[in-house]
Structure formats: C-alpha cells, structure tokens
Amino acid sequence: MDDPAQGDQLKSIVQRIERLEEEKKTISDDIKEVYSEAKANGYDVAVLRKVITLRKRDLNERKEEEAILDLYLQAVGESA
C-alpha cells in the first residue's frame, strides 16, 4: 500500500471493527447477565433460550414445522 490514504482507510476500518467487536462482547455479557437473572428467578434458561430462538423465526415457518413434527410423532406412536 503505497497510497497513504489507503493506509488511513484501512486503519479506520480496523478500528471500527475493533470497536464493534468490543460492543458485541459487552452486549453478549449483558445477555448472559439477563439469563442469570432469569435463572435466579426460577425460570428454566434452556426453555427461555428456545422461546427466544422460536420468536426469531417466521410464524408461518414455525407452524409448518410444528405440524410436520406432530405428523412425524403420530407416525411413530408418540402423539399427545
């Protein structure tokens, strides 16, 4: 990189990435803290994580997957 402007641009990009990585770590730590709080209040963290995962997905996709799951469970004699 002979162009000083390119060096400055690269340095800026690296610094922005480093700053975002630090923010990501802070947010990750905050999320862990909330899960710990939930556990301390008697909530099942594994189920809570599943709820969060499900809420991220499209409702129609979720319903379709649940219907297929129910169908498969019925097929193997595991229906409710």
C-alpha atoms as a PDB file:
ATOM      1  CA  MET A   1       0.000   0.000   0.000  1.00  0.00           C
ATOM      2  CA  ASP A   2       1.900   2.953  -1.288  1.00  0.00           C
ATOM      3  CA  ASP A   3      -1.007   5.391  -1.007  1.00  0.00           C
ATOM      4  CA  PRO A   4      -1.180   6.939   2.488  1.00  0.00           C
ATOM      5  CA  ALA A   5      -4.933   7.445   2.020  1.00  0.00           C
ATOM      6  CA  GLN A   6      -5.367   3.693   1.643  1.00  0.00           C
ATOM      7  CA  GLY A   7      -3.395   3.141   4.815  1.00  0.00           C
ATOM      8  CA  ASP A   8      -5.587   5.631   6.666  1.00  0.00           C
ATOM      9  CA  GLN A   9      -8.717   3.999   5.291  1.00  0.00           C
ATOM     10  CA  LEU A  10      -7.513   0.532   6.333  1.00  0.00           C
ATOM     11  CA  LYS A  11      -6.624   1.808   9.796  1.00  0.00           C
ATOM     12  CA  SER A  12     -10.102   3.328  10.125  1.00  0.00           C
ATOM     13  CA  ILE A  13     -11.736   0.055   9.072  1.00  0.00           C
ATOM     14  CA  VAL A  14      -9.669  -1.937  11.571  1.00  0.00           C
ATOM     15  CA  GLN A  15     -10.516   0.496  14.371  1.00  0.00           C
ATOM     16  CA  ARG A  16     -14.237   0.348  13.557  1.00  0.00           C
ATOM     17  CA  ILE A  17     -14.174  -3.447  13.570  1.00  0.00           C
ATOM     18  CA  GLU A  18     -12.347  -3.469  16.904  1.00  0.00           C
ATOM     19  CA  ARG A  19     -14.890  -1.058  18.384  1.00  0.00           C
ATOM     20  CA  LEU A  20     -17.803  -3.173  17.132  1.00  0.00           C
ATOM     21  CA  GLU A  21     -16.185  -6.349  18.491  1.00  0.00           C
ATOM     22  CA  GLU A  22     -15.941  -4.696  21.913  1.00  0.00           C
ATOM     23  CA  GLU A  23     -19.600  -3.629  21.716  1.00  0.00           C
ATOM     24  CA  LYS A  24     -20.533  -7.183  20.723  1.00  0.00           C
ATOM     25  CA  LYS A  25     -18.687  -8.547  23.776  1.00  0.00           C
ATOM     26  CA  THR A  26     -20.437  -6.044  26.037  1.00  0.00           C
ATOM     27  CA  ILE A  27     -23.845  -6.988  24.627  1.00  0.00           C
ATOM     28  CA  SER A  28     -23.035 -10.686  24.955  1.00  0.00           C
ATOM     29  CA  ASP A  29     -22.088 -10.144  28.606  1.00  0.00           C
ATOM     30  CA  ASP A  30     -25.347  -8.232  29.156  1.00  0.00           C
ATOM     31  CA  ILE A  31     -27.362 -11.093  27.652  1.00  0.00           C
ATOM     32  CA  LYS A  32     -25.596 -13.609  29.916  1.00  0.00           C
ATOM     33  CA  GLU A  33     -26.442 -11.408  32.875  1.00  0.00           C
ATOM     34  CA  VAL A  34     -30.146 -11.363  31.950  1.00  0.00           C
ATOM     35  CA  TYR A  35     -30.170 -15.157  31.594  1.00  0.00           C
ATOM     36  CA  SER A  36     -28.538 -15.429  35.036  1.00  0.00           C
ATOM     37  CA  GLU A  37     -31.208 -13.148  36.440  1.00  0.00           C
ATOM     38  CA  ALA A  38     -33.905 -15.294  34.846  1.00  0.00           C
ATOM     39  CA  LYS A  39     -32.353 -18.432  36.355  1.00  0.00           C
ATOM     40  CA  ALA A  40     -32.152 -16.788  39.778  1.00  0.00           C
ATOM     41  CA  ASN A  41     -35.866 -16.030  39.499  1.00  0.00           C
ATOM     42  CA  GLY A  42     -36.655 -19.677  38.856  1.00  0.00           C
ATOM     43  CA  TYR A  43     -37.017 -19.669  35.083  1.00  0.00           C
ATOM     44  CA  ASP A  44     -35.724 -22.582  33.005  1.00  0.00           C
ATOM     45  CA  VAL A  45     -32.968 -20.978  30.940  1.00  0.00           C
ATOM     46  CA  ALA A  46     -32.894 -23.767  28.323  1.00  0.00           C
ATOM     47  CA  VAL A  47     -36.607 -23.267  27.655  1.00  0.00           C
ATOM     48  CA  LEU A  48     -36.148 -19.492  27.664  1.00  0.00           C
ATOM     49  CA  ARG A  49     -33.414 -19.818  25.023  1.00  0.00           C
ATOM     50  CA  LYS A  50     -35.768 -21.960  22.944  1.00  0.00           C
ATOM     51  CA  VAL A  51     -38.504 -19.300  23.246  1.00  0.00           C
ATOM     52  CA  ILE A  52     -36.037 -16.631  22.048  1.00  0.00           C
ATOM     53  CA  THR A  53     -34.985 -18.825  19.118  1.00  0.00           C
ATOM     54  CA  LEU A  54     -38.585 -19.526  18.130  1.00  0.00           C
ATOM     55  CA  ARG A  55     -39.564 -15.850  18.299  1.00  0.00           C
ATOM     56  CA  LYS A  56     -36.793 -15.012  15.821  1.00  0.00           C
ATOM     57  CA  ARG A  57     -38.355 -17.294  13.202  1.00  0.00           C
ATOM     58  CA  ASP A  58     -41.241 -16.560  10.871  1.00  0.00           C
ATOM     59  CA  LEU A  59     -44.573 -17.585  12.434  1.00  0.00           C
ATOM     60  CA  ASN A  60     -45.754 -19.455   9.333  1.00  0.00           C
ATOM     61  CA  GLU A  61     -42.492 -21.416   9.071  1.00  0.00           C
ATOM     62  CA  ARG A  62     -42.760 -22.282  12.756  1.00  0.00           C
ATOM     63  CA  LYS A  63     -46.348 -23.505  12.402  1.00  0.00           C
ATOM     64  CA  GLU A  64     -45.435 -25.589   9.364  1.00  0.00           C
ATOM     65  CA  GLU A  65     -42.504 -27.180  11.211  1.00  0.00           C
ATOM     66  CA  GLU A  66     -44.696 -27.878  14.257  1.00  0.00           C
ATOM     67  CA  ALA A  67     -47.345 -29.512  12.032  1.00  0.00           C
ATOM     68  CA  ILE A  68     -44.727 -31.736  10.388  1.00  0.00           C
ATOM     69  CA  LEU A  69     -43.259 -32.588  13.783  1.00  0.00           C
ATOM     70  CA  ASP A  70     -46.709 -33.533  15.070  1.00  0.00           C
ATOM     71  CA  LEU A  71     -47.304 -35.672  11.979  1.00  0.00           C
ATOM     72  CA  TYR A  72     -43.994 -37.482  12.462  1.00  0.00           C
ATOM     73  CA  LEU A  73     -44.671 -38.031  16.157  1.00  0.00           C
ATOM     74  CA  GLN A  74     -48.071 -39.525  15.333  1.00  0.00           C
ATOM     75  CA  ALA A  75     -46.437 -41.789  12.758  1.00  0.00           C
ATOM     76  CA  VAL A  76     -44.107 -43.246  15.379  1.00  0.00           C
ATOM     77  CA  GLY A  77     -46.816 -43.517  18.016  1.00  0.00           C
ATOM     78  CA  GLU A  78     -45.658 -40.580  20.146  1.00  0.00           C
ATOM     79  CA  SER A  79     -48.653 -38.248  19.783  1.00  0.00           C
ATOM     80  CA  ALA A  80     -50.002 -36.453  22.809  1.00  0.00           C
END
